[in-house]
Amino acid sequence: MEKYKCDICGYIYDPAEGDPEGGIEPGTSFNDLPDDYVCPVCAAGKEEFFILGWKHFCSHASDPVLTGIFDITSFKRSQNIITVL
């Protein structure tokens, strides 16, 4: 399962660990978190999380076309879209 990082404070949600203080059992995927789930550190909503590792998915800095296509820094899993910058 993929880990998700809060874009506001840097908290990492690891499905293997869950969020025991928030009542989230280990093994709970990010997609299965309640819609009203908030970051336990800064209270940001799910829409502020991104898949860890996707922010720097492509490093084609020498090719602006490829960079534009693959730069998914504003990807938000809860929106199920990829924004091409």
N, C-alpha and C. Protein backbone atom coordinates (compact mmCIF):
# COMPACT_ATOMS: atom_id res chain seq x y z
N MET A 1 0.84 -1.19 0.00
CA MET A 1 0.00 0.00 0.00
C MET A 1 0.88 1.25 0.00
N GLU A 2 0.38 2.27 -0.64
CA GLU A 2 1.14 3.51 -0.78
C GLU A 2 1.03 4.37 0.47
N LYS A 3 2.12 5.07 0.77
CA LYS A 3 2.13 6.03 1.86
C LYS A 3 1.75 7.39 1.29
N TYR A 4 1.12 8.20 2.12
CA TYR A 4 0.69 9.53 1.72
C TYR A 4 1.30 10.56 2.66
N LYS A 5 1.68 11.71 2.09
CA LYS A 5 2.31 12.77 2.87
C LYS A 5 1.43 14.01 2.87
N CYS A 6 1.29 14.61 4.04
CA CYS A 6 0.55 15.87 4.16
C CYS A 6 1.40 16.99 3.57
N ASP A 7 0.85 17.70 2.62
CA ASP A 7 1.57 18.78 1.96
C ASP A 7 1.73 19.99 2.86
N ILE A 8 0.99 20.06 3.93
CA ILE A 8 1.05 21.21 4.83
C ILE A 8 2.17 21.04 5.87
N CYS A 9 2.19 19.90 6.55
CA CYS A 9 3.13 19.73 7.66
C CYS A 9 4.16 18.62 7.48
N GLY A 10 3.96 17.77 6.48
CA GLY A 10 4.91 16.71 6.23
C GLY A 10 4.61 15.38 6.90
N TYR A 11 3.51 15.30 7.64
CA TYR A 11 3.13 14.03 8.28
C TYR A 11 2.95 12.97 7.20
N ILE A 12 3.40 11.76 7.49
CA ILE A 12 3.26 10.66 6.54
C ILE A 12 2.27 9.64 7.10
N TYR A 13 1.22 9.41 6.32
CA TYR A 13 0.25 8.37 6.68
C TYR A 13 0.74 7.06 6.08
N ASP A 14 1.03 6.11 6.93
CA ASP A 14 1.49 4.78 6.51
C ASP A 14 0.36 3.79 6.80
N PRO A 15 -0.25 3.23 5.77
CA PRO A 15 -1.36 2.30 5.98
C PRO A 15 -1.00 1.12 6.87
N ALA A 16 0.26 0.70 6.83
CA ALA A 16 0.68 -0.43 7.67
C ALA A 16 0.56 -0.09 9.16
N GLU A 17 0.71 1.20 9.49
CA GLU A 17 0.61 1.64 10.88
C GLU A 17 -0.77 2.18 11.23
N GLY A 18 -1.47 2.71 10.24
CA GLY A 18 -2.76 3.35 10.51
C GLY A 18 -2.56 4.63 11.28
N ASP A 19 -3.57 5.02 12.01
CA ASP A 19 -3.51 6.21 12.88
C ASP A 19 -4.23 5.85 14.17
N PRO A 20 -3.56 5.10 15.05
CA PRO A 20 -4.21 4.61 16.27
C PRO A 20 -4.86 5.70 17.12
N GLU A 21 -4.20 6.86 17.20
CA GLU A 21 -4.77 7.96 17.99
C GLU A 21 -6.05 8.51 17.35
N GLY A 22 -6.16 8.36 16.03
CA GLY A 22 -7.34 8.82 15.32
C GLY A 22 -8.37 7.72 15.11
N GLY A 23 -8.11 6.55 15.70
CA GLY A 23 -9.06 5.45 15.57
C GLY A 23 -8.97 4.70 14.26
N ILE A 24 -7.86 4.84 13.54
CA ILE A 24 -7.68 4.17 12.26
C ILE A 24 -6.79 2.95 12.48
N GLU A 25 -7.32 1.79 12.17
CA GLU A 25 -6.62 0.53 12.39
C GLU A 25 -5.46 0.35 11.41
N PRO A 26 -4.39 -0.33 11.83
CA PRO A 26 -3.33 -0.68 10.88
C PRO A 26 -3.91 -1.49 9.72
N GLY A 27 -3.38 -1.28 8.53
CA GLY A 27 -3.87 -1.97 7.35
C GLY A 27 -4.95 -1.21 6.60
N THR A 28 -5.32 -0.02 7.08
CA THR A 28 -6.35 0.79 6.43
C THR A 28 -5.71 1.64 5.33
N SER A 29 -6.11 1.39 4.08
CA SER A 29 -5.55 2.17 2.98
C SER A 29 -6.06 3.61 3.05
N PHE A 30 -5.32 4.51 2.42
CA PHE A 30 -5.71 5.92 2.42
C PHE A 30 -7.10 6.10 1.81
N ASN A 31 -7.39 5.34 0.75
CA ASN A 31 -8.70 5.46 0.10
C ASN A 31 -9.84 5.03 1.01
N ASP A 32 -9.55 4.18 1.99
CA ASP A 32 -10.58 3.71 2.91
C ASP A 32 -10.74 4.58 4.15
N LEU A 33 -9.92 5.63 4.26
CA LEU A 33 -10.08 6.55 5.39
C LEU A 33 -11.41 7.28 5.24
N PRO A 34 -12.03 7.66 6.35
CA PRO A 34 -13.28 8.41 6.25
C PRO A 34 -13.07 9.73 5.50
N ASP A 35 -14.10 10.21 4.84
CA ASP A 35 -14.01 11.47 4.09
C ASP A 35 -13.61 12.64 4.98
N ASP A 36 -13.97 12.56 6.26
CA ASP A 36 -13.66 13.67 7.16
C ASP A 36 -12.34 13.47 7.91
N TYR A 37 -11.53 12.52 7.46
CA TYR A 37 -10.23 12.28 8.10
C TYR A 37 -9.37 13.54 7.97
N VAL A 38 -8.66 13.88 9.04
CA VAL A 38 -7.75 15.02 9.02
C VAL A 38 -6.38 14.59 9.52
N CYS A 39 -5.38 15.30 9.10
CA CYS A 39 -4.01 15.05 9.52
C CYS A 39 -3.95 15.17 11.04
N PRO A 40 -3.35 14.18 11.72
CA PRO A 40 -3.28 14.24 13.17
C PRO A 40 -2.32 15.31 13.69
N VAL A 41 -1.51 15.88 12.82
CA VAL A 41 -0.55 16.91 13.25
C VAL A 41 -1.10 18.31 13.04
N CYS A 42 -1.64 18.57 11.83
CA CYS A 42 -2.05 19.95 11.51
C CYS A 42 -3.53 20.10 11.17
N ALA A 43 -4.28 19.00 11.18
CA ALA A 43 -5.73 19.00 10.92
C ALA A 43 -6.09 19.33 9.47
N ALA A 44 -5.14 19.16 8.55
CA ALA A 44 -5.45 19.35 7.13
C ALA A 44 -6.32 18.19 6.65
N GLY A 45 -7.20 18.47 5.69
CA GLY A 45 -8.08 17.44 5.15
C GLY A 45 -7.35 16.51 4.20
N LYS A 46 -8.02 15.42 3.83
CA LYS A 46 -7.43 14.42 2.94
C LYS A 46 -6.96 15.02 1.61
N GLU A 47 -7.60 16.09 1.17
CA GLU A 47 -7.24 16.69 -0.11
C GLU A 47 -5.84 17.30 -0.09
N GLU A 48 -5.27 17.48 1.10
CA GLU A 48 -3.93 18.05 1.21
C GLU A 48 -2.83 16.99 1.20
N PHE A 49 -3.19 15.72 1.05
CA PHE A 49 -2.21 14.64 1.02
C PHE A 49 -1.88 14.25 -0.43
N PHE A 50 -0.65 13.83 -0.65
CA PHE A 50 -0.26 13.30 -1.95
C PHE A 50 0.48 11.98 -1.74
N ILE A 51 0.52 11.17 -2.78
CA ILE A 51 1.20 9.89 -2.69
C ILE A 51 2.69 10.14 -2.55
N LEU A 52 3.27 9.61 -1.52
CA LEU A 52 4.70 9.80 -1.26
C LEU A 52 5.49 9.23 -2.41
N GLY A 53 6.38 10.02 -2.95
CA GLY A 53 7.20 9.59 -4.07
C GLY A 53 6.72 10.10 -5.41
N TRP A 54 5.47 10.51 -5.51
CA TRP A 54 4.93 11.00 -6.77
C TRP A 54 5.26 12.46 -7.01
N LYS A 55 5.63 13.19 -5.98
CA LYS A 55 5.87 14.61 -6.15
C LYS A 55 7.08 14.84 -7.07
N HIS A 56 8.01 13.92 -7.06
CA HIS A 56 9.19 14.05 -7.90
C HIS A 56 9.28 12.83 -8.83
N PHE A 57 8.16 12.49 -9.42
CA PHE A 57 8.01 11.30 -10.25
C PHE A 57 8.92 11.32 -11.48
N CYS A 58 9.06 12.46 -12.07
CA CYS A 58 9.83 12.56 -13.32
C CYS A 58 10.85 13.68 -13.20
N SER A 59 12.04 13.43 -13.68
CA SER A 59 13.09 14.45 -13.59
C SER A 59 13.61 14.80 -14.98
N HIS A 60 12.70 14.98 -15.93
CA HIS A 60 13.08 15.33 -17.29
C HIS A 60 13.22 16.85 -17.42
N ALA A 61 14.07 17.43 -16.58
CA ALA A 61 14.20 18.89 -16.54
C ALA A 61 14.69 19.46 -17.86
N SER A 62 15.41 18.67 -18.63
CA SER A 62 15.92 19.18 -19.90
C SER A 62 14.86 19.20 -21.00
N ASP A 63 13.74 18.55 -20.77
CA ASP A 63 12.67 18.49 -21.77
C ASP A 63 11.40 19.09 -21.19
N PRO A 64 11.11 20.36 -21.50
CA PRO A 64 9.95 21.03 -20.89
C PRO A 64 8.62 20.34 -21.20
N VAL A 65 8.52 19.68 -22.35
CA VAL A 65 7.27 18.99 -22.68
C VAL A 65 7.07 17.81 -21.74
N LEU A 66 8.11 16.98 -21.59
CA LEU A 66 8.00 15.84 -20.69
C LEU A 66 7.82 16.29 -19.25
N THR A 67 8.51 17.35 -18.87
CA THR A 67 8.36 17.86 -17.51
C THR A 67 6.91 18.27 -17.27
N GLY A 68 6.30 18.96 -18.24
CA GLY A 68 4.92 19.37 -18.09
C GLY A 68 3.96 18.20 -18.03
N ILE A 69 4.27 17.15 -18.79
CA ILE A 69 3.39 16.00 -18.79
C ILE A 69 3.50 15.20 -17.50
N PHE A 70 4.72 15.03 -17.02
CA PHE A 70 4.93 14.13 -15.90
C PHE A 70 5.08 14.82 -14.55
N ASP A 71 5.10 16.14 -14.51
CA ASP A 71 5.22 16.82 -13.23
C ASP A 71 3.86 16.82 -12.56
N ILE A 72 3.67 15.89 -11.64
CA ILE A 72 2.36 15.74 -11.01
C ILE A 72 2.41 16.20 -9.57
N THR A 73 3.08 17.31 -9.33
CA THR A 73 3.25 17.79 -7.97
C THR A 73 1.92 18.18 -7.33
N SER A 74 0.92 18.48 -8.12
CA SER A 74 -0.35 18.85 -7.52
C SER A 74 -1.36 17.72 -7.58
N PHE A 75 -0.85 16.48 -7.73
CA PHE A 75 -1.74 15.33 -7.73
C PHE A 75 -2.37 15.15 -6.35
N LYS A 76 -3.64 14.99 -6.32
CA LYS A 76 -4.36 14.76 -5.07
C LYS A 76 -5.21 13.51 -5.28
N ARG A 77 -4.92 12.44 -4.54
CA ARG A 77 -5.61 11.16 -4.73
C ARG A 77 -7.11 11.30 -4.51
N SER A 78 -7.52 12.12 -3.56
CA SER A 78 -8.95 12.23 -3.27
C SER A 78 -9.72 12.86 -4.43
N GLN A 79 -9.03 13.58 -5.30
CA GLN A 79 -9.70 14.19 -6.45
C GLN A 79 -9.68 13.27 -7.65
N ASN A 80 -8.84 12.22 -7.61
CA ASN A 80 -8.70 11.25 -8.70
C ASN A 80 -8.40 11.91 -10.04
N ILE A 81 -7.58 12.97 -10.00
CA ILE A 81 -7.14 13.61 -11.23
C ILE A 81 -5.65 13.92 -11.11
N ILE A 82 -5.04 14.12 -12.24
CA ILE A 82 -3.67 14.59 -12.27
C ILE A 82 -3.69 15.94 -12.95
N THR A 83 -3.15 16.93 -12.29
CA THR A 83 -3.09 18.26 -12.86
C THR A 83 -1.77 18.41 -13.60
N VAL A 84 -1.82 18.71 -14.87
CA VAL A 84 -0.60 18.93 -15.64
C VAL A 84 -0.27 20.41 -15.54
N LEU A 85 0.91 20.68 -15.02
CA LEU A 85 1.32 22.06 -14.81
C LEU A 85 1.88 22.65 -16.07
